Amino acid sequence: MAQLVKDPVCGRTVNAERSQFFTEYGGMIYHFCCTHCKETFLKEPERYAKEEHHESFER
Protein backbone atom coordinates (compact mmCIF):
# COMPACT_ATOMS: atom_id res chain seq x y z
CA MET A 1 0.00 0.00 0.00
CA ALA A 2 1.39 3.40 -1.01
CA GLN A 3 2.20 5.94 1.66
CA LEU A 4 0.42 9.09 0.54
CA VAL A 5 1.45 12.46 1.95
CA LYS A 6 0.61 16.05 1.02
CA ASP A 7 3.06 18.36 -0.67
CA PRO A 8 3.41 21.09 2.00
CA VAL A 9 3.62 23.84 -0.61
CA CYS A 10 0.78 23.13 -3.06
CA GLY A 11 -1.22 20.50 -1.15
CA ARG A 12 -1.13 17.84 -3.86
CA THR A 13 -1.05 14.21 -2.79
CA VAL A 14 2.38 12.60 -3.27
CA ASN A 15 3.34 8.93 -3.04
CA ALA A 16 6.19 9.08 -0.50
CA GLU A 17 7.59 5.76 -1.68
CA ARG A 18 8.04 6.99 -5.27
CA SER A 19 8.72 10.68 -4.69
CA GLN A 20 11.79 12.03 -6.47
CA PHE A 21 11.57 15.38 -4.71
CA PHE A 22 12.06 15.43 -0.94
CA THR A 23 14.11 17.04 1.80
CA GLU A 24 14.78 16.66 5.50
CA TYR A 25 13.92 19.56 7.78
CA GLY A 26 13.65 19.58 11.55
CA GLY A 27 14.09 15.82 11.75
CA MET A 28 11.24 15.15 9.31
CA ILE A 29 11.15 14.24 5.63
CA TYR A 30 8.95 16.37 3.36
CA HIS A 31 7.93 15.19 -0.12
CA PHE A 32 7.05 17.41 -3.08
CA CYS A 33 5.29 16.97 -6.42
CA CYS A 34 7.98 18.86 -8.36
CA THR A 35 11.24 20.77 -8.18
CA HIS A 36 9.43 24.12 -7.97
CA CYS A 37 7.60 23.13 -4.78
CA LYS A 38 10.80 21.79 -3.22
CA GLU A 39 12.68 25.01 -4.03
CA THR A 40 9.82 27.10 -2.65
CA PHE A 41 9.89 25.09 0.59
CA LEU A 42 13.66 25.45 0.92
CA LYS A 43 13.40 29.25 0.69
CA GLU A 44 11.03 29.40 3.71
CA PRO A 45 10.84 25.98 5.37
CA GLU A 46 9.38 27.32 8.61
CA ARG A 47 6.41 28.65 6.65
CA TYR A 48 5.53 25.27 5.14
CA ALA A 49 6.73 22.76 7.74
CA LYS A 50 3.61 21.42 9.43
CA GLU A 51 3.10 18.17 11.25
CA GLU A 52 0.52 16.75 8.82
CA HIS A 53 2.78 17.16 5.77
CA HIS A 54 5.71 14.93 6.65
CA GLU A 55 6.79 11.41 7.42
CA SER A 56 9.06 10.43 10.26
CA PHE A 57 12.77 10.65 9.51
CA GLU A 58 13.27 6.98 10.39
CA ARG A 59 12.48 4.74 7.43
PDB file of N, CA and C in Angstrom:
ATOM      1  N   MET A   1       0.834  -1.178   0.000  1.00  0.00           N
ATOM      2  CA  MET A   1       0.000   0.000   0.000  1.00  0.00           C
ATOM      3  C   MET A   1       0.886   1.251   0.000  1.00  0.00           C
ATOM      4  N   ALA A   2       0.596   2.174  -0.873  1.00  0.00           N
ATOM      5  CA  ALA A   2       1.385   3.395  -1.010  1.00  0.00           C
ATOM      6  C   ALA A   2       1.204   4.303   0.199  1.00  0.00           C
ATOM      7  N   GLN A   3       2.273   4.965   0.581  1.00  0.00           N
ATOM      8  CA  GLN A   3       2.198   5.940   1.661  1.00  0.00           C
ATOM      9  C   GLN A   3       1.977   7.304   1.019  1.00  0.00           C
ATOM     10  N   LEU A   4       0.773   7.817   1.140  1.00  0.00           N
ATOM     11  CA  LEU A   4       0.421   9.093   0.541  1.00  0.00           C
ATOM     12  C   LEU A   4       0.570  10.216   1.553  1.00  0.00           C
ATOM     13  N   VAL A   5       1.254  11.270   1.122  1.00  0.00           N
ATOM     14  CA  VAL A   5       1.445  12.461   1.952  1.00  0.00           C
ATOM     15  C   VAL A   5       1.106  13.679   1.103  1.00  0.00           C
ATOM     16  N   LYS A   6       0.912  14.820   1.759  1.00  0.00           N
ATOM     17  CA  LYS A   6       0.614  16.050   1.018  1.00  0.00           C
ATOM     18  C   LYS A   6       1.877  16.864   0.813  1.00  0.00           C
ATOM     19  N   ASP A   7       1.994  17.396  -0.376  1.00  0.00           N
ATOM     20  CA  ASP A   7       3.057  18.361  -0.668  1.00  0.00           C
ATOM     21  C   ASP A   7       2.760  19.570   0.219  1.00  0.00           C
ATOM     22  N   PRO A   8       3.696  19.988   1.077  1.00  0.00           N
ATOM     23  CA  PRO A   8       3.410  21.089   1.999  1.00  0.00           C
ATOM     24  C   PRO A   8       3.259  22.450   1.322  1.00  0.00           C
ATOM     25  N   VAL A   9       3.689  22.560   0.086  1.00  0.00           N
ATOM     26  CA  VAL A   9       3.618  23.842  -0.613  1.00  0.00           C
ATOM     27  C   VAL A   9       2.299  23.979  -1.370  1.00  0.00           C
ATOM     28  N   CYS A  10       1.966  23.000  -2.215  1.00  0.00           N
ATOM     29  CA  CYS A  10       0.777  23.126  -3.062  1.00  0.00           C
ATOM     30  C   CYS A  10      -0.403  22.280  -2.585  1.00  0.00           C
ATOM     31  N   GLY A  11      -0.149  21.320  -1.677  1.00  0.00           N
ATOM     32  CA  GLY A  11      -1.224  20.502  -1.149  1.00  0.00           C
ATOM     33  C   GLY A  11      -1.572  19.269  -1.962  1.00  0.00           C
ATOM     34  N   ARG A  12      -0.871  19.037  -3.054  1.00  0.00           N
ATOM     35  CA  ARG A  12      -1.131  17.837  -3.860  1.00  0.00           C
ATOM     36  C   ARG A  12      -0.725  16.585  -3.095  1.00  0.00           C
ATOM     37  N   THR A  13      -1.386  15.485  -3.396  1.00  0.00           N
ATOM     38  CA  THR A  13      -1.048  14.211  -2.792  1.00  0.00           C
ATOM     39  C   THR A  13       0.163  13.616  -3.512  1.00  0.00           C
ATOM     40  N   VAL A  14       1.132  13.143  -2.737  1.00  0.00           N
ATOM     41  CA  VAL A  14       2.377  12.599  -3.266  1.00  0.00           C
ATOM     42  C   VAL A  14       2.582  11.202  -2.675  1.00  0.00           C
ATOM     43  N   ASN A  15       2.994  10.266  -3.500  1.00  0.00           N
ATOM     44  CA  ASN A  15       3.341   8.931  -3.040  1.00  0.00           C
ATOM     45  C   ASN A  15       4.758   9.013  -2.472  1.00  0.00           C
ATOM     46  N   ALA A  16       4.892   8.921  -1.156  1.00  0.00           N
ATOM     47  CA  ALA A  16       6.191   9.081  -0.496  1.00  0.00           C
ATOM     48  C   ALA A  16       7.190   8.006  -0.915  1.00  0.00           C
ATOM     49  N   GLU A  17       6.700   6.846  -1.285  1.00  0.00           N
ATOM     50  CA  GLU A  17       7.591   5.757  -1.676  1.00  0.00           C
ATOM     51  C   GLU A  17       8.201   5.971  -3.062  1.00  0.00           C
ATOM     52  N   ARG A  18       7.561   6.774  -3.897  1.00  0.00           N
ATOM     53  CA  ARG A  18       8.040   6.992  -5.266  1.00  0.00           C
ATOM     54  C   ARG A  18       8.504   8.424  -5.523  1.00  0.00           C
ATOM     55  N   SER A  19       8.387   9.269  -4.536  1.00  0.00           N
ATOM     56  CA  SER A  19       8.722  10.679  -4.688  1.00  0.00           C
ATOM     57  C   SER A  19      10.188  10.877  -5.052  1.00  0.00           C
ATOM     58  N   GLN A  20      10.428  11.677  -6.068  1.00  0.00           N
ATOM     59  CA  GLN A  20      11.791  12.035  -6.469  1.00  0.00           C
ATOM     60  C   GLN A  20      12.240  13.327  -5.812  1.00  0.00           C
ATOM     61  N   PHE A  21      11.285  14.062  -5.272  1.00  0.00           N
ATOM     62  CA  PHE A  21      11.568  15.381  -4.709  1.00  0.00           C
ATOM     63  C   PHE A  21      11.238  15.364  -3.220  1.00  0.00           C
ATOM     64  N   PHE A  22      12.271  15.427  -2.383  1.00  0.00           N
ATOM     65  CA  PHE A  22      12.059  15.425  -0.935  1.00  0.00           C
ATOM     66  C   PHE A  22      13.246  16.074  -0.259  1.00  0.00           C
ATOM     67  N   THR A  23      13.041  16.455   0.994  1.00  0.00           N
ATOM     68  CA  THR A  23      14.113  17.039   1.796  1.00  0.00           C
ATOM     69  C   THR A  23      13.848  16.739   3.257  1.00  0.00           C
ATOM     70  N   GLU A  24      14.889  16.824   4.052  1.00  0.00           N
ATOM     71  CA  GLU A  24      14.776  16.660   5.497  1.00  0.00           C
ATOM     72  C   GLU A  24      14.827  18.046   6.117  1.00  0.00           C
ATOM     73  N   TYR A  25      13.936  18.277   7.059  1.00  0.00           N
ATOM     74  CA  TYR A  25      13.923  19.557   7.777  1.00  0.00           C
ATOM     75  C   TYR A  25      13.385  19.302   9.174  1.00  0.00           C
ATOM     76  N   GLY A  26      14.104  19.730  10.171  1.00  0.00           N
ATOM     77  CA  GLY A  26      13.655  19.579  11.549  1.00  0.00           C
ATOM     78  C   GLY A  26      13.426  18.137  11.958  1.00  0.00           C
ATOM     79  N   GLY A  27      14.217  17.226  11.410  1.00  0.00           N
ATOM     80  CA  GLY A  27      14.095  15.821  11.755  1.00  0.00           C
ATOM     81  C   GLY A  27      12.967  15.094  11.044  1.00  0.00           C
ATOM     82  N   MET A  28      12.330  15.743  10.076  1.00  0.00           N
ATOM     83  CA  MET A  28      11.239  15.149   9.313  1.00  0.00           C
ATOM     84  C   MET A  28      11.572  15.175   7.827  1.00  0.00           C
ATOM     85  N   ILE A  29      10.969  14.268   7.079  1.00  0.00           N
ATOM     86  CA  ILE A  29      11.149  14.235   5.631  1.00  0.00           C
ATOM     87  C   ILE A  29       9.885  14.794   4.989  1.00  0.00           C
ATOM     88  N   TYR A  30      10.062  15.747   4.090  1.00  0.00           N
ATOM     89  CA  TYR A  30       8.954  16.365   3.358  1.00  0.00           C
ATOM     90  C   TYR A  30       9.080  15.990   1.888  1.00  0.00           C
ATOM     91  N   HIS A  31       7.962  15.606   1.285  1.00  0.00           N
ATOM     92  CA  HIS A  31       7.928  15.193  -0.122  1.00  0.00           C
ATOM     93  C   HIS A  31       7.191  16.247  -0.937  1.00  0.00           C
ATOM     94  N   PHE A  32       7.608  16.388  -2.201  1.00  0.00           N
ATOM     95  CA  PHE A  32       7.052  17.415  -3.083  1.00  0.00           C
ATOM     96  C   PHE A  32       6.673  16.808  -4.423  1.00  0.00           C
ATOM     97  N   CYS A  33       5.747  17.452  -5.115  1.00  0.00           N
ATOM     98  CA  CYS A  33       5.294  16.966  -6.416  1.00  0.00           C
ATOM     99  C   CYS A  33       6.264  17.347  -7.529  1.00  0.00           C
ATOM    100  N   CYS A  34       7.078  18.383  -7.304  1.00  0.00           N
ATOM    101  CA  CYS A  34       7.976  18.863  -8.362  1.00  0.00           C
ATOM    102  C   CYS A  34       9.127  19.675  -7.759  1.00  0.00           C
ATOM    103  N   THR A  35      10.085  19.982  -8.593  1.00  0.00           N
ATOM    104  CA  THR A  35      11.239  20.772  -8.176  1.00  0.00           C
ATOM    105  C   THR A  35      10.830  22.161  -7.683  1.00  0.00           C
ATOM    106  N   HIS A  36       9.879  22.778  -8.359  1.00  0.00           N
ATOM    107  CA  HIS A  36       9.435  24.125  -7.975  1.00  0.00           C
ATOM    108  C   HIS A  36       8.938  24.145  -6.524  1.00  0.00           C
ATOM    109  N   CYS A  37       8.114  23.170  -6.147  1.00  0.00           N
ATOM    110  CA  CYS A  37       7.597  23.132  -4.780  1.00  0.00           C
ATOM    111  C   CYS A  37       8.725  22.895  -3.774  1.00  0.00           C
ATOM    112  N   LYS A  38       9.670  22.034  -4.111  1.00  0.00           N
ATOM    113  CA  LYS A  38      10.799  21.790  -3.216  1.00  0.00           C
ATOM    114  C   LYS A  38      11.614  23.065  -3.032  1.00  0.00           C
ATOM    115  N   GLU A  39      11.904  23.768  -4.113  1.00  0.00           N
ATOM    116  CA  GLU A  39      12.683  25.006  -4.031  1.00  0.00           C
ATOM    117  C   GLU A  39      11.945  26.078  -3.239  1.00  0.00           C
ATOM    118  N   THR A  40      10.630  26.148  -3.413  1.00  0.00           N
ATOM    119  CA  THR A  40       9.818  27.104  -2.654  1.00  0.00           C
ATOM    120  C   THR A  40       9.899  26.789  -1.167  1.00  0.00           C
ATOM    121  N   PHE A  41       9.785  25.514  -0.810  1.00  0.00           N
ATOM    122  CA  PHE A  41       9.889  25.092   0.585  1.00  0.00           C
ATOM    123  C   PHE A  41      11.251  25.473   1.159  1.00  0.00           C
ATOM    124  N   LEU A  42      12.312  25.200   0.417  1.00  0.00           N
ATOM    125  CA  LEU A  42      13.663  25.449   0.918  1.00  0.00           C
ATOM    126  C   LEU A  42      13.945  26.930   1.151  1.00  0.00           C
ATOM    127  N   LYS A  43      13.235  27.818   0.480  1.00  0.00           N
ATOM    128  CA  LYS A  43      13.400  29.253   0.692  1.00  0.00           C
ATOM    129  C   LYS A  43      12.813  29.699   2.028  1.00  0.00           C
ATOM    130  N   GLU A  44      11.709  29.058   2.458  1.00  0.00           N
ATOM    131  CA  GLU A  44      11.034  29.405   3.708  1.00  0.00           C
ATOM    132  C   GLU A  44      10.485  28.154   4.393  1.00  0.00           C
ATOM    133  N   PRO A  45      11.340  27.245   4.822  1.00  0.00           N
ATOM    134  CA  PRO A  45      10.841  25.980   5.366  1.00  0.00           C
ATOM    135  C   PRO A  45       9.933  26.146   6.581  1.00  0.00           C
ATOM    136  N   GLU A  46      10.208  27.128   7.425  1.00  0.00           N
ATOM    137  CA  GLU A  46       9.379  27.319   8.614  1.00  0.00           C
ATOM    138  C   GLU A  46       7.941  27.699   8.254  1.00  0.00           C
ATOM    139  N   ARG A  47       7.750  28.283   7.106  1.00  0.00           N
ATOM    140  CA  ARG A  47       6.409  28.653   6.645  1.00  0.00           C
ATOM    141  C   ARG A  47       5.586  27.422   6.256  1.00  0.00           C
ATOM    142  N   TYR A  48       6.232  26.429   5.680  1.00  0.00           N
ATOM    143  CA  TYR A  48       5.529  25.267   5.135  1.00  0.00           C
ATOM    144  C   TYR A  48       5.600  24.014   6.000  1.00  0.00           C
ATOM    145  N   ALA A  49       6.539  23.962   6.926  1.00  0.00           N
ATOM    146  CA  ALA A  49       6.728  22.762   7.745  1.00  0.00           C
ATOM    147  C   ALA A  49       5.598  22.641   8.759  1.00  0.00           C
ATOM    148  N   LYS A  50       4.728  21.683   8.528  1.00  0.00           N
ATOM    149  CA  LYS A  50       3.611  21.423   9.428  1.00  0.00           C
ATOM    150  C   LYS A  50       3.542  19.929   9.667  1.00  0.00           C
ATOM    151  N   GLU A  51       3.086  19.576  10.829  1.00  0.00           N
ATOM    152  CA  GLU A  51       3.095  18.174  11.245  1.00  0.00           C
ATOM    153  C   GLU A  51       2.382  17.240  10.283  1.00  0.00           C
ATOM    154  N   GLU A  52       1.291  17.653   9.674  1.00  0.00           N
ATOM    155  CA  GLU A  52       0.516  16.751   8.820  1.00  0.00           C
ATOM    156  C   GLU A  52       1.126  16.553   7.436  1.00  0.00           C
ATOM    157  N   HIS A  53       2.206  17.214   7.116  1.00  0.00           N
ATOM    158  CA  HIS A  53       2.783  17.161   5.768  1.00  0.00           C
ATOM    159  C   HIS A  53       4.139  16.448   5.721  1.00  0.00           C
ATOM    160  N   HIS A  54       4.402  15.573   6.639  1.00  0.00           N
ATOM    161  CA  HIS A  54       5.711  14.927   6.646  1.00  0.00           C
ATOM    162  C   HIS A  54       5.583  13.454   7.000  1.00  0.00           C
ATOM    163  N   GLU A  55       6.688  12.762   6.882  1.00  0.00           N
ATOM    164  CA  GLU A  55       6.789  11.411   7.415  1.00  0.00           C
ATOM    165  C   GLU A  55       7.947  11.412   8.391  1.00  0.00           C
ATOM    166  N   SER A  56       7.975  10.466   9.292  1.00  0.00           N
ATOM    167  CA  SER A  56       9.057  10.433  10.263  1.00  0.00           C
ATOM    168  C   SER A  56      10.383  10.216   9.551  1.00  0.00           C
ATOM    169  N   PHE A  57      11.450  10.726  10.115  1.00  0.00           N
ATOM    170  CA  PHE A  57      12.768  10.647   9.507  1.00  0.00           C
ATOM    171  C   PHE A  57      13.255   9.213   9.437  1.00  0.00           C
ATOM    172  N   GLU A  58      12.845   8.381  10.372  1.00  0.00           N
ATOM    173  CA  GLU A  58      13.267   6.983  10.392  1.00  0.00           C
ATOM    174  C   GLU A  58      12.474   6.184   9.379  1.00  0.00           C
ATOM    175  N   ARG A  59      13.156   5.527   8.461  1.00  0.00           N
ATOM    176  CA  ARG A  59      12.480   4.738   7.432  1.00  0.00           C
ATOM    177  C   ARG A  59      12.639   3.277   7.726  1.00  0.00           C
TER     178      ARG A  59
END
